[in-house]
PDB file of N, CA and C in Angstrom:
ATOM      1  N   MET A   1     -83.929 -83.728 -23.320  1.00  0.00           N
ATOM      2  CA  MET A   1     -84.861 -83.129 -21.944  1.00  0.00           C
ATOM      3  C   MET A   1     -83.637 -83.193 -21.295  1.00  0.00           C
ATOM      4  N   LYS A   2     -83.339 -84.291 -21.196  1.00  0.00           N
ATOM      5  CA  LYS A   2     -83.168 -84.314 -19.373  1.00  0.00           C
ATOM      6  C   LYS A   2     -81.421 -83.501 -19.394  1.00  0.00           C
ATOM      7  N   LYS A   3     -81.349 -83.093 -20.388  1.00  0.00           N
ATOM      8  CA  LYS A   3     -79.690 -81.897 -20.265  1.00  0.00           C
ATOM      9  C   LYS A   3     -80.448 -80.568 -20.634  1.00  0.00           C
ATOM     10  N   LEU A   4     -81.414 -80.735 -20.582  1.00  0.00           N
ATOM     11  CA  LEU A   4     -82.187 -79.288 -20.364  1.00  0.00           C
ATOM     12  C   LEU A   4     -82.478 -78.974 -19.470  1.00  0.00           C
ATOM     13  N   PHE A   5     -83.000 -79.356 -18.528  1.00  0.00           N
ATOM     14  CA  PHE A   5     -83.481 -79.671 -17.567  1.00  0.00           C
ATOM     15  C   PHE A   5     -81.827 -79.407 -16.638  1.00  0.00           C
ATOM     16  N   PHE A   6     -81.198 -80.356 -16.204  1.00  0.00           N
ATOM     17  CA  PHE A   6     -79.979 -79.927 -16.111  1.00  0.00           C
ATOM     18  C   PHE A   6     -79.099 -78.654 -15.882  1.00  0.00           C
ATOM     19  N   LEU A   7     -78.957 -78.560 -17.775  1.00  0.00           N
ATOM     20  CA  LEU A   7     -78.023 -77.322 -17.639  1.00  0.00           C
ATOM     21  C   LEU A   7     -79.121 -76.063 -16.760  1.00  0.00           C
ATOM     22  N   THR A   8     -80.579 -75.975 -16.911  1.00  0.00           N
ATOM     23  CA  THR A   8     -81.305 -75.071 -16.240  1.00  0.00           C
ATOM     24  C   THR A   8     -81.406 -74.977 -14.893  1.00  0.00           C
ATOM     25  N   LEU A   9     -80.938 -76.303 -14.364  1.00  0.00           N
ATOM     26  CA  LEU A   9     -80.727 -76.320 -12.778  1.00  0.00           C
ATOM     27  C   LEU A   9     -80.098 -75.622 -12.442  1.00  0.00           C
ATOM     28  N   ILE A  10     -78.388 -76.033 -13.186  1.00  0.00           N
ATOM     29  CA  ILE A  10     -76.770 -75.682 -12.610  1.00  0.00           C
ATOM     30  C   ILE A  10     -76.747 -74.236 -13.348  1.00  0.00           C
ATOM     31  N   ILE A  11     -77.880 -73.296 -13.836  1.00  0.00           N
ATOM     32  CA  ILE A  11     -77.852 -71.993 -14.234  1.00  0.00           C
ATOM     33  C   ILE A  11     -78.712 -71.361 -13.222  1.00  0.00           C
ATOM     34  N   THR A  12     -79.558 -71.651 -12.403  1.00  0.00           N
ATOM     35  CA  THR A  12     -80.389 -71.449 -11.568  1.00  0.00           C
ATOM     36  C   THR A  12     -79.658 -71.339 -10.280  1.00  0.00           C
ATOM     37  N   LEU A  13     -78.855 -72.660  -9.904  1.00  0.00           N
ATOM     38  CA  LEU A  13     -78.427 -72.385  -9.007  1.00  0.00           C
ATOM     39  C   LEU A  13     -77.400 -71.627  -8.712  1.00  0.00           C
ATOM     40  N   SER A  14     -76.534 -71.634 -10.123  1.00  0.00           N
ATOM     41  CA  SER A  14     -75.146 -70.922  -9.883  1.00  0.00           C
ATOM     42  C   SER A  14     -75.683 -68.965  -9.497  1.00  0.00           C
ATOM     43  N   ILE A  15     -77.081 -69.115 -10.216  1.00  0.00           N
ATOM     44  CA  ILE A  15     -77.104 -67.332 -10.264  1.00  0.00           C
ATOM     45  C   ILE A  15     -77.881 -67.146  -8.864  1.00  0.00           C
ATOM     46  N   GLN A  16     -78.703 -68.219  -8.160  1.00  0.00           N
ATOM     47  CA  GLN A  16     -78.878 -68.144  -6.981  1.00  0.00           C
ATOM     48  C   GLN A  16     -77.441 -68.020  -5.764  1.00  0.00           C
ATOM     49  N   PHE A  17     -76.873 -68.594  -5.814  1.00  0.00           N
ATOM     50  CA  PHE A  17     -75.557 -68.833  -5.283  1.00  0.00           C
ATOM     51  C   PHE A  17     -74.884 -67.290  -5.415  1.00  0.00           C
ATOM     52  N   ASN A  18     -74.753 -66.955  -6.439  1.00  0.00           N
ATOM     53  CA  ASN A  18     -74.089 -65.669  -6.651  1.00  0.00           C
ATOM     54  C   ASN A  18     -74.659 -64.139  -6.200  1.00  0.00           C
ATOM     55  N   GLN A  19     -76.466 -64.578  -5.799  1.00  0.00           N
ATOM     56  CA  GLN A  19     -76.672 -63.221  -5.065  1.00  0.00           C
ATOM     57  C   GLN A  19     -76.632 -63.502  -3.722  1.00  0.00           C
ATOM     58  N   ALA A  20     -76.418 -64.646  -3.339  1.00  0.00           N
ATOM     59  CA  ALA A  20     -76.534 -64.952  -1.815  1.00  0.00           C
ATOM     60  C   ALA A  20     -74.760 -64.535  -1.472  1.00  0.00           C
ATOM     61  N   GLN A  21     -74.134 -64.334  -2.376  1.00  0.00           N
ATOM     62  CA  GLN A  21     -72.944 -63.942  -1.808  1.00  0.00           C
ATOM     63  C   GLN A  21     -72.445 -62.470  -1.895  1.00  0.00           C
ATOM     64  N   SER A  22     -71.747 -62.124  -0.244  1.00  0.00           N
ATOM     65  CA  SER A  22     -71.606 -61.011   0.067  1.00  0.00           C
ATOM     66  C   SER A  22     -70.165 -60.641   1.016  1.00  0.00           C
ATOM     67  N   ILE A  23     -69.351 -59.831   0.608  1.00  0.00           N
ATOM     68  CA  ILE A  23     -68.197 -59.693   1.951  1.00  0.00           C
ATOM     69  C   ILE A  23     -68.648 -58.868   2.609  1.00  0.00           C
ATOM     70  N   GLU A  24     -70.006 -57.956   3.084  1.00  0.00           N
ATOM     71  CA  GLU A  24     -70.411 -57.192   3.961  1.00  0.00           C
ATOM     72  C   GLU A  24     -69.728 -58.240   5.437  1.00  0.00           C
ATOM     73  N   GLY A  25     -69.030 -56.983   6.098  1.00  0.00           N
ATOM     74  CA  GLY A  25     -68.935 -57.530   7.571  1.00  0.00           C
ATOM     75  C   GLY A  25     -67.110 -57.273   7.608  1.00  0.00           C
ATOM     76  N   SER A  26     -67.224 -57.970   8.501  1.00  0.00           N
ATOM     77  CA  SER A  26     -65.255 -57.937   8.888  1.00  0.00           C
ATOM     78  C   SER A  26     -64.975 -59.593   8.409  1.00  0.00           C
ATOM     79  N   TRP A  27     -63.646 -59.334   8.224  1.00  0.00           N
ATOM     80  CA  TRP A  27     -62.949 -60.798   7.616  1.00  0.00           C
ATOM     81  C   TRP A  27     -61.307 -60.777   7.976  1.00  0.00           C
ATOM     82  N   LYS A  28     -61.081 -61.706   8.941  1.00  0.00           N
ATOM     83  CA  LYS A  28     -59.440 -62.036   9.232  1.00  0.00           C
ATOM     84  C   LYS A  28     -58.767 -62.896   8.344  1.00  0.00           C
ATOM     85  N   GLY A  29     -57.356 -62.164   8.436  1.00  0.00           N
ATOM     86  CA  GLY A  29     -56.251 -63.220   8.002  1.00  0.00           C
ATOM     87  C   GLY A  29     -55.148 -63.248   8.080  1.00  0.00           C
ATOM     88  N   GLU A  30     -53.850 -63.332   7.815  1.00  0.00           N
ATOM     89  CA  GLU A  30     -52.712 -63.476   8.373  1.00  0.00           C
ATOM     90  C   GLU A  30     -51.559 -63.323   6.830  1.00  0.00           C
ATOM     91  N   LEU A  31     -50.909 -62.318   7.172  1.00  0.00           N
ATOM     92  CA  LEU A  31     -50.056 -61.875   5.869  1.00  0.00           C
ATOM     93  C   LEU A  31     -48.836 -62.414   6.222  1.00  0.00           C
ATOM     94  N   ALA A  32     -48.024 -63.205   5.487  1.00  0.00           N
ATOM     95  CA  ALA A  32     -46.934 -63.749   6.096  1.00  0.00           C
ATOM     96  C   ALA A  32     -45.947 -63.452   4.717  1.00  0.00           C
ATOM     97  N   VAL A  33     -45.196 -61.994   5.890  1.00  0.00           N
ATOM     98  CA  VAL A  33     -43.911 -61.428   5.250  1.00  0.00           C
ATOM     99  C   VAL A  33     -42.638 -61.459   5.811  1.00  0.00           C
ATOM    100  N   MET A  34     -41.480 -61.779   5.666  1.00  0.00           N
ATOM    101  CA  MET A  34     -40.381 -62.268   5.923  1.00  0.00           C
ATOM    102  C   MET A  34     -40.432 -63.224   7.341  1.00  0.00           C
ATOM    103  N   GLY A  35     -41.199 -64.343   7.017  1.00  0.00           N
ATOM    104  CA  GLY A  35     -41.207 -65.080   8.423  1.00  0.00           C
ATOM    105  C   GLY A  35     -41.844 -64.458   9.543  1.00  0.00           C
ATOM    106  N   GLN A  36     -42.970 -63.657   9.365  1.00  0.00           N
ATOM    107  CA  GLN A  36     -43.587 -63.199  10.608  1.00  0.00           C
ATOM    108  C   GLN A  36     -45.102 -63.239   9.933  1.00  0.00           C
ATOM    109  N   LYS A  37     -45.907 -63.693  11.183  1.00  0.00           N
ATOM    110  CA  LYS A  37     -47.917 -63.573  10.478  1.00  0.00           C
ATOM    111  C   LYS A  37     -48.042 -62.384  11.087  1.00  0.00           C
ATOM    112  N   ILE A  38     -48.624 -61.404   9.985  1.00  0.00           N
ATOM    113  CA  ILE A  38     -48.935 -59.883  10.461  1.00  0.00           C
ATOM    114  C   ILE A  38     -50.569 -60.344  10.496  1.00  0.00           C
ATOM    115  N   PRO A  39     -51.067 -60.283  11.508  1.00  0.00           N
ATOM    116  CA  PRO A  39     -52.624 -60.756  11.417  1.00  0.00           C
ATOM    117  C   PRO A  39     -53.280 -59.199  10.479  1.00  0.00           C
ATOM    118  N   LEU A  40     -54.445 -59.042  10.045  1.00  0.00           N
ATOM    119  CA  LEU A  40     -54.992 -58.334   9.132  1.00  0.00           C
ATOM    120  C   LEU A  40     -56.602 -58.328   9.381  1.00  0.00           C
ATOM    121  N   ILE A  41     -57.486 -57.129  10.076  1.00  0.00           N
ATOM    122  CA  ILE A  41     -59.025 -57.528   9.912  1.00  0.00           C
ATOM    123  C   ILE A  41     -59.482 -56.492   8.617  1.00  0.00           C
ATOM    124  N   VAL A  42     -60.045 -56.760   7.678  1.00  0.00           N
ATOM    125  CA  VAL A  42     -60.830 -55.806   6.792  1.00  0.00           C
ATOM    126  C   VAL A  42     -62.143 -55.691   7.321  1.00  0.00           C
ATOM    127  N   HIS A  43     -62.893 -55.120   7.521  1.00  0.00           N
ATOM    128  CA  HIS A  43     -64.487 -54.071   7.623  1.00  0.00           C
ATOM    129  C   HIS A  43     -64.301 -53.796   5.826  1.00  0.00           C
ATOM    130  N   PHE A  44     -65.810 -54.692   5.701  1.00  0.00           N
ATOM    131  CA  PHE A  44     -66.345 -54.286   4.039  1.00  0.00           C
ATOM    132  C   PHE A  44     -68.214 -53.783   4.177  1.00  0.00           C
ATOM    133  N   SER A  45     -68.492 -52.528   3.844  1.00  0.00           N
ATOM    134  CA  SER A  45     -69.608 -52.484   4.052  1.00  0.00           C
ATOM    135  C   SER A  45     -70.514 -51.654   2.480  1.00  0.00           C
ATOM    136  N   GLU A  46     -71.559 -51.768   2.494  1.00  0.00           N
ATOM    137  CA  GLU A  46     -72.251 -51.224   1.279  1.00  0.00           C
ATOM    138  C   GLU A  46     -73.162 -50.853   1.348  1.00  0.00           C
ATOM    139  N   LYS A  47     -73.578 -49.209   0.685  1.00  0.00           N
ATOM    140  CA  LYS A  47     -74.487 -48.085   0.981  1.00  0.00           C
ATOM    141  C   LYS A  47     -74.746 -47.684  -0.228  1.00  0.00           C
ATOM    142  N   GLU A  48     -75.937 -48.015  -1.007  1.00  0.00           N
ATOM    143  CA  GLU A  48     -76.468 -47.953  -2.075  1.00  0.00           C
ATOM    144  C   GLU A  48     -75.450 -47.877  -3.096  1.00  0.00           C
ATOM    145  N   GLY A  49     -75.310 -49.335  -3.579  1.00  0.00           N
ATOM    146  CA  GLY A  49     -74.831 -50.036  -4.456  1.00  0.00           C
ATOM    147  C   GLY A  49     -73.276 -49.782  -4.523  1.00  0.00           C
ATOM    148  N   GLU A  50     -72.554 -48.919  -3.989  1.00  0.00           N
ATOM    149  CA  GLU A  50     -71.163 -48.559  -3.195  1.00  0.00           C
ATOM    150  C   GLU A  50     -70.625 -49.127  -2.049  1.00  0.00           C
ATOM    151  N   TRP A  51     -69.647 -49.934  -2.556  1.00  0.00           N
ATOM    152  CA  TRP A  51     -68.523 -50.496  -1.670  1.00  0.00           C
ATOM    153  C   TRP A  51     -67.790 -49.685  -0.750  1.00  0.00           C
ATOM    154  N   SER A  52     -67.523 -49.836   0.814  1.00  0.00           N
ATOM    155  CA  SER A  52     -66.395 -49.147   1.609  1.00  0.00           C
ATOM    156  C   SER A  52     -65.482 -50.091   2.159  1.00  0.00           C
ATOM    157  N   GLY A  53     -64.761 -49.744   2.479  1.00  0.00           N
ATOM    158  CA  GLY A  53     -63.851 -50.606   3.974  1.00  0.00           C
ATOM    159  C   GLY A  53     -62.761 -50.088   4.274  1.00  0.00           C
ATOM    160  N   LYS A  54     -62.625 -50.717   5.382  1.00  0.00           N
ATOM    161  CA  LYS A  54     -61.406 -50.019   6.361  1.00  0.00           C
ATOM    162  C   LYS A  54     -60.252 -51.636   6.495  1.00  0.00           C
ATOM    163  N   MET A  55     -59.278 -51.348   7.091  1.00  0.00           N
ATOM    164  CA  MET A  55     -58.445 -52.600   7.567  1.00  0.00           C
ATOM    165  C   MET A  55     -58.022 -51.858   9.032  1.00  0.00           C
ATOM    166  N   ASP A  56     -57.253 -53.000   9.449  1.00  0.00           N
ATOM    167  CA  ASP A  56     -56.930 -52.703  10.944  1.00  0.00           C
ATOM    168  C   ASP A  56     -55.532 -53.672  10.581  1.00  0.00           C
ATOM    169  N   SER A  57     -54.348 -53.002  11.703  1.00  0.00           N
ATOM    170  CA  SER A  57     -53.443 -54.287  11.431  1.00  0.00           C
ATOM    171  C   SER A  57     -53.050 -53.961  13.127  1.00  0.00           C
ATOM    172  N   PRO A  58     -53.607 -55.016  14.079  1.00  0.00           N
ATOM    173  CA  PRO A  58     -53.482 -55.057  15.339  1.00  0.00           C
ATOM    174  C   PRO A  58     -51.926 -54.739  15.793  1.00  0.00           C
ATOM    175  N   ASN A  59     -51.052 -55.591  15.289  1.00  0.00           N
ATOM    176  CA  ASN A  59     -50.061 -55.651  15.901  1.00  0.00           C
ATOM    177  C   ASN A  59     -48.800 -54.822  15.890  1.00  0.00           C
ATOM    178  N   GLN A  60     -49.690 -53.861  14.170  1.00  0.00           N
ATOM    179  CA  GLN A  60     -48.940 -52.553  14.065  1.00  0.00           C
ATOM    180  C   GLN A  60     -49.671 -51.552  14.486  1.00  0.00           C
ATOM    181  N   GLY A  61     -50.170 -51.686  15.645  1.00  0.00           N
ATOM    182  CA  GLY A  61     -50.911 -50.770  16.096  1.00  0.00           C
ATOM    183  C   GLY A  61     -51.928 -49.687  15.055  1.00  0.00           C
ATOM    184  N   ALA A  62     -51.816 -49.885  14.021  1.00  0.00           N
ATOM    185  CA  ALA A  62     -52.569 -49.807  12.429  1.00  0.00           C
ATOM    186  C   ALA A  62     -54.290 -49.715  12.667  1.00  0.00           C
ATOM    187  N   MET A  63     -55.201 -48.667  12.929  1.00  0.00           N
ATOM    188  CA  MET A  63     -56.634 -49.151  12.841  1.00  0.00           C
ATOM    189  C   MET A  63     -56.982 -48.159  12.143  1.00  0.00           C
ATOM    190  N   GLY A  64     -58.111 -48.721  11.391  1.00  0.00           N
ATOM    191  CA  GLY A  64     -59.083 -47.832  10.626  1.00  0.00           C
ATOM    192  C   GLY A  64     -58.480 -47.200   9.004  1.00  0.00           C
ATOM    193  N   ILE A  65     -57.337 -47.908   8.888  1.00  0.00           N
ATOM    194  CA  ILE A  65     -56.539 -48.022   7.294  1.00  0.00           C
ATOM    195  C   ILE A  65     -57.745 -47.897   6.512  1.00  0.00           C
ATOM    196  N   ALA A  66     -58.553 -46.484   5.592  1.00  0.00           N
ATOM    197  CA  ALA A  66     -59.105 -46.191   4.706  1.00  0.00           C
ATOM    198  C   ALA A  66     -58.823 -46.966   3.787  1.00  0.00           C
ATOM    199  N   MET A  67     -59.495 -47.243   2.616  1.00  0.00           N
ATOM    200  CA  MET A  67     -59.830 -48.133   1.565  1.00  0.00           C
ATOM    201  C   MET A  67     -59.949 -47.237   0.309  1.00  0.00           C
ATOM    202  N   ARG A  68     -60.014 -47.310  -0.668  1.00  0.00           N
ATOM    203  CA  ARG A  68     -60.300 -46.858  -1.900  1.00  0.00           C
ATOM    204  C   ARG A  68     -60.713 -47.678  -2.716  1.00  0.00           C
ATOM    205  N   LYS A  69     -61.193 -47.283  -3.796  1.00  0.00           N
ATOM    206  CA  LYS A  69     -62.066 -47.853  -5.335  1.00  0.00           C
ATOM    207  C   LYS A  69     -62.122 -49.476  -4.374  1.00  0.00           C
ATOM    208  N   VAL A  70     -62.681 -49.476  -3.528  1.00  0.00           N
ATOM    209  CA  VAL A  70     -63.460 -50.887  -3.568  1.00  0.00           C
ATOM    210  C   VAL A  70     -64.417 -51.805  -4.520  1.00  0.00           C
ATOM    211  N   LEU A  71     -64.109 -52.583  -5.101  1.00  0.00           N
ATOM    212  CA  LEU A  71     -65.053 -53.163  -5.890  1.00  0.00           C
ATOM    213  C   LEU A  71     -65.366 -54.833  -5.931  1.00  0.00           C
ATOM    214  N   PHE A  72     -66.583 -54.920  -5.895  1.00  0.00           N
ATOM    215  CA  PHE A  72     -66.977 -56.125  -5.714  1.00  0.00           C
ATOM    216  C   PHE A  72     -68.258 -56.624  -6.994  1.00  0.00           C
ATOM    217  N   ASP A  73     -68.028 -57.471  -7.596  1.00  0.00           N
ATOM    218  CA  ASP A  73     -69.087 -57.737  -8.199  1.00  0.00           C
ATOM    219  C   ASP A  73     -69.910 -59.106  -8.063  1.00  0.00           C
ATOM    220  N   GLY A  74     -69.725 -59.685  -6.813  1.00  0.00           N
ATOM    221  CA  GLY A  74     -70.159 -60.703  -6.393  1.00  0.00           C
ATOM    222  C   GLY A  74     -69.327 -61.719  -6.460  1.00  0.00           C
ATOM    223  N   THR A  75     -68.550 -62.284  -7.071  1.00  0.00           N
ATOM    224  CA  THR A  75     -67.320 -62.978  -7.369  1.00  0.00           C
ATOM    225  C   THR A  75     -65.815 -62.325  -6.397  1.00  0.00           C
ATOM    226  N   MET A  76     -65.316 -60.905  -7.603  1.00  0.00           N
ATOM    227  CA  MET A  76     -64.496 -60.546  -7.405  1.00  0.00           C
ATOM    228  C   MET A  76     -64.105 -59.852  -6.523  1.00  0.00           C
ATOM    229  N   ILE A  77     -63.165 -59.670  -5.908  1.00  0.00           N
ATOM    230  CA  ILE A  77     -62.917 -58.144  -4.795  1.00  0.00           C
ATOM    231  C   ILE A  77     -61.542 -57.679  -5.533  1.00  0.00           C
ATOM    232  N   SER A  78     -61.655 -56.282  -5.162  1.00  0.00           N
ATOM    233  CA  SER A  78     -60.367 -55.460  -5.182  1.00  0.00           C
ATOM    234  C   SER A  78     -60.494 -54.294  -4.433  1.00  0.00           C
ATOM    235  N   PHE A  79     -59.139 -53.434  -3.806  1.00  0.00           N
ATOM    236  CA  PHE A  79     -59.433 -52.530  -3.227  1.00  0.00           C
ATOM    237  C   PHE A  79     -57.960 -52.109  -3.410  1.00  0.00           C
ATOM    238  N   GLU A  80     -57.982 -50.487  -3.248  1.00  0.00           N
ATOM    239  CA  GLU A  80     -56.600 -50.343  -3.219  1.00  0.00           C
ATOM    240  C   GLU A  80     -56.436 -49.612  -1.443  1.00  0.00           C
ATOM    241  N   MET A  81     -55.415 -49.525  -0.680  1.00  0.00           N
ATOM    242  CA  MET A  81     -55.304 -48.607   0.316  1.00  0.00           C
ATOM    243  C   MET A  81     -55.079 -47.241   0.457  1.00  0.00           C
ATOM    244  N   SER A  82     -55.348 -46.288   1.313  1.00  0.00           N
ATOM    245  CA  SER A  82     -55.262 -45.134   0.810  1.00  0.00           C
ATOM    246  C   SER A  82     -53.707 -44.607   1.246  1.00  0.00           C
ATOM    247  N   MET A  83     -53.305 -45.149   2.077  1.00  0.00           N
ATOM    248  CA  MET A  83     -51.810 -45.114   2.710  1.00  0.00           C
ATOM    249  C   MET A  83     -50.909 -46.420   2.043  1.00  0.00           C
ATOM    250  N   GLY A  84     -49.705 -45.999   2.027  1.00  0.00           N
ATOM    251  CA  GLY A  84     -48.983 -47.498   1.882  1.00  0.00           C
ATOM    252  C   GLY A  84     -48.657 -48.040   0.444  1.00  0.00           C
ATOM    253  N   ASN A  85     -49.740 -46.812  -0.188  1.00  0.00           N
ATOM    254  CA  ASN A  85     -49.605 -48.049  -1.641  1.00  0.00           C
ATOM    255  C   ASN A  85     -49.301 -49.380  -2.263  1.00  0.00           C
ATOM    256  N   ALA A  86     -50.418 -50.296  -1.769  1.00  0.00           N
ATOM    257  CA  ALA A  86     -51.061 -50.942  -1.577  1.00  0.00           C
ATOM    258  C   ALA A  86     -52.585 -51.800  -1.992  1.00  0.00           C
ATOM    259  N   SER A  87     -52.877 -52.589  -2.272  1.00  0.00           N
ATOM    260  CA  SER A  87     -53.499 -52.963  -3.022  1.00  0.00           C
ATOM    261  C   SER A  87     -53.708 -54.900  -3.066  1.00  0.00           C
ATOM    262  N   TYR A  88     -55.644 -55.153  -3.241  1.00  0.00           N
ATOM    263  CA  TYR A  88     -55.534 -56.417  -3.354  1.00  0.00           C
ATOM    264  C   TYR A  88     -56.667 -57.301  -4.173  1.00  0.00           C
ATOM    265  N   GLU A  89     -56.652 -58.071  -4.570  1.00  0.00           N
ATOM    266  CA  GLU A  89     -57.124 -58.473  -5.207  1.00  0.00           C
ATOM    267  C   GLU A  89     -57.741 -59.822  -5.025  1.00  0.00           C
ATOM    268  N   GLY A  90     -58.904 -60.416  -5.325  1.00  0.00           N
ATOM    269  CA  GLY A  90     -58.972 -61.725  -4.653  1.00  0.00           C
ATOM    270  C   GLY A  90     -61.017 -62.024  -4.842  1.00  0.00           C
ATOM    271  N   LEU A  91     -61.012 -64.017  -5.093  1.00  0.00           N
ATOM    272  CA  LEU A  91     -62.182 -64.083  -5.346  1.00  0.00           C
ATOM    273  C   LEU A  91     -62.833 -64.415  -3.935  1.00  0.00           C
ATOM    274  N   LEU A  92     -64.453 -64.372  -3.996  1.00  0.00           N
ATOM    275  CA  LEU A  92     -65.190 -64.994  -2.551  1.00  0.00           C
ATOM    276  C   LEU A  92     -65.314 -66.076  -3.215  1.00  0.00           C
ATOM    277  N   LEU A  93     -64.897 -67.136  -2.204  1.00  0.00           N
ATOM    278  CA  LEU A  93     -65.222 -68.550  -2.532  1.00  0.00           C
ATOM    279  C   LEU A  93     -65.582 -69.284  -1.464  1.00  0.00           C
ATOM    280  N   GLY A  94     -67.091 -68.733  -1.129  1.00  0.00           N
ATOM    281  CA  GLY A  94     -67.843 -69.176   0.070  1.00  0.00           C
ATOM    282  C   GLY A  94     -67.362 -68.590   1.057  1.00  0.00           C
ATOM    283  N   GLU A  95     -67.172 -69.368   2.087  1.00  0.00           N
ATOM    284  CA  GLU A  95     -67.299 -68.726   3.358  1.00  0.00           C
ATOM    285  C   GLU A  95     -65.417 -68.303   3.661  1.00  0.00           C
ATOM    286  N   GLN A  96     -65.004 -67.475   2.238  1.00  0.00           N
ATOM    287  CA  GLN A  96     -63.420 -67.142   2.134  1.00  0.00           C
ATOM    288  C   GLN A  96     -63.080 -66.614   1.148  1.00  0.00           C
ATOM    289  N   ILE A  97     -61.654 -65.548   1.161  1.00  0.00           N
ATOM    290  CA  ILE A  97     -61.636 -64.400   0.112  1.00  0.00           C
ATOM    291  C   ILE A  97     -60.495 -65.168  -0.113  1.00  0.00           C
ATOM    292  N   LYS A  98     -59.897 -65.537  -1.275  1.00  0.00           N
ATOM    293  CA  LYS A  98     -58.710 -65.983  -1.502  1.00  0.00           C
ATOM    294  C   LYS A  98     -58.024 -64.891  -2.945  1.00  0.00           C
ATOM    295  N   GLY A  99     -56.584 -64.441  -2.218  1.00  0.00           N
ATOM    296  CA  GLY A  99     -56.364 -63.575  -3.140  1.00  0.00           C
ATOM    297  C   GLY A  99     -54.805 -63.307  -2.715  1.00  0.00           C
ATOM    298  N   ASN A 100     -54.443 -61.768  -3.745  1.00  0.00           N
ATOM    299  CA  ASN A 100     -52.911 -61.401  -3.511  1.00  0.00           C
ATOM    300  C   ASN A 100     -53.160 -59.924  -3.117  1.00  0.00           C
ATOM    301  N   PHE A 101     -51.848 -59.838  -1.916  1.00  0.00           N
ATOM    302  CA  PHE A 101     -51.655 -58.338  -1.627  1.00  0.00           C
ATOM    303  C   PHE A 101     -50.835 -57.779  -2.285  1.00  0.00           C
ATOM    304  N   SER A 102     -50.852 -56.504  -2.400  1.00  0.00           N
ATOM    305  CA  SER A 102     -49.311 -56.097  -3.538  1.00  0.00           C
ATOM    306  C   SER A 102     -49.085 -54.738  -2.524  1.00  0.00           C
ATOM    307  N   GLN A 103     -48.164 -54.642  -2.756  1.00  0.00           N
ATOM    308  CA  GLN A 103     -47.209 -53.460  -2.007  1.00  0.00           C
ATOM    309  C   GLN A 103     -45.611 -53.633  -2.457  1.00  0.00           C
ATOM    310  N   SER A 104     -45.373 -51.941  -2.974  1.00  0.00           N
ATOM    311  CA  SER A 104     -43.956 -51.598  -3.722  1.00  0.00           C
ATOM    312  C   SER A 104     -43.136 -52.818  -4.380  1.00  0.00           C
ATOM    313  N   GLY A 105     -43.898 -53.497  -5.080  1.00  0.00           N
ATOM    314  CA  GLY A 105     -43.917 -54.041  -6.324  1.00  0.00           C
ATOM    315  C   GLY A 105     -43.861 -55.813  -6.347  1.00  0.00           C
ATOM    316  N   MET A 106     -44.135 -55.753  -4.592  1.00  0.00           N
ATOM    317  CA  MET A 106     -44.427 -57.482  -4.449  1.00  0.00           C
ATOM    318  C   MET A 106     -45.503 -58.023  -3.660  1.00  0.00           C
ATOM    319  N   SER A 107     -45.884 -59.555  -4.367  1.00  0.00           N
ATOM    320  CA  SER A 107     -47.270 -59.639  -4.564  1.00  0.00           C
ATOM    321  C   SER A 107     -47.085 -61.260  -3.442  1.00  0.00           C
ATOM    322  N   ILE A 108     -47.989 -61.000  -2.431  1.00  0.00           N
ATOM    323  CA  ILE A 108     -47.921 -61.713  -1.440  1.00  0.00           C
ATOM    324  C   ILE A 108     -49.247 -62.429  -0.945  1.00  0.00           C
ATOM    325  N   PRO A 109     -49.310 -64.062  -0.857  1.00  0.00           N
ATOM    326  CA  PRO A 109     -50.978 -64.357  -0.696  1.00  0.00           C
ATOM    327  C   PRO A 109     -51.608 -64.245   0.354  1.00  0.00           C
ATOM    328  N   LEU A 110     -52.715 -63.906   0.224  1.00  0.00           N
ATOM    329  CA  LEU A 110     -53.479 -63.894   1.715  1.00  0.00           C
ATOM    330  C   LEU A 110     -54.974 -63.566   1.310  1.00  0.00           C
ATOM    331  N   ASP A 111     -55.343 -64.679   1.767  1.00  0.00           N
ATOM    332  CA  ASP A 111     -56.518 -65.221   2.234  1.00  0.00           C
ATOM    333  C   ASP A 111     -57.067 -64.632   3.699  1.00  0.00           C
ATOM    334  N   PHE A 112     -58.543 -64.383   3.689  1.00  0.00           N
ATOM    335  CA  PHE A 112     -59.558 -63.524   4.543  1.00  0.00           C
ATOM    336  C   PHE A 112     -60.920 -65.088   4.984  1.00  0.00           C
TER     337      PHE A 112
END
């Protein structure tokens, strides 16, 4: 009986935890490339079940770079950039998104 209670509790808590997770808003990270740290800011919004986003690279003077194919399932997130043949895949872990930024065949860790 105790096992059933704890199993039910764990399932309930994990469902509530996943439902409470959202990427909506702005997230900051630093991309480490060839000894340099490039600050990046991503902005996500959701409308009628569809996610969209934009990225800023302040040091490069690039603001509002459109994302396409923004996907978020409550845990996993991915997007492609509309320019630069770049993409990102990551996991939402509490208050942090941990993942990898890919461009031109290179994959670089990038956390927001």
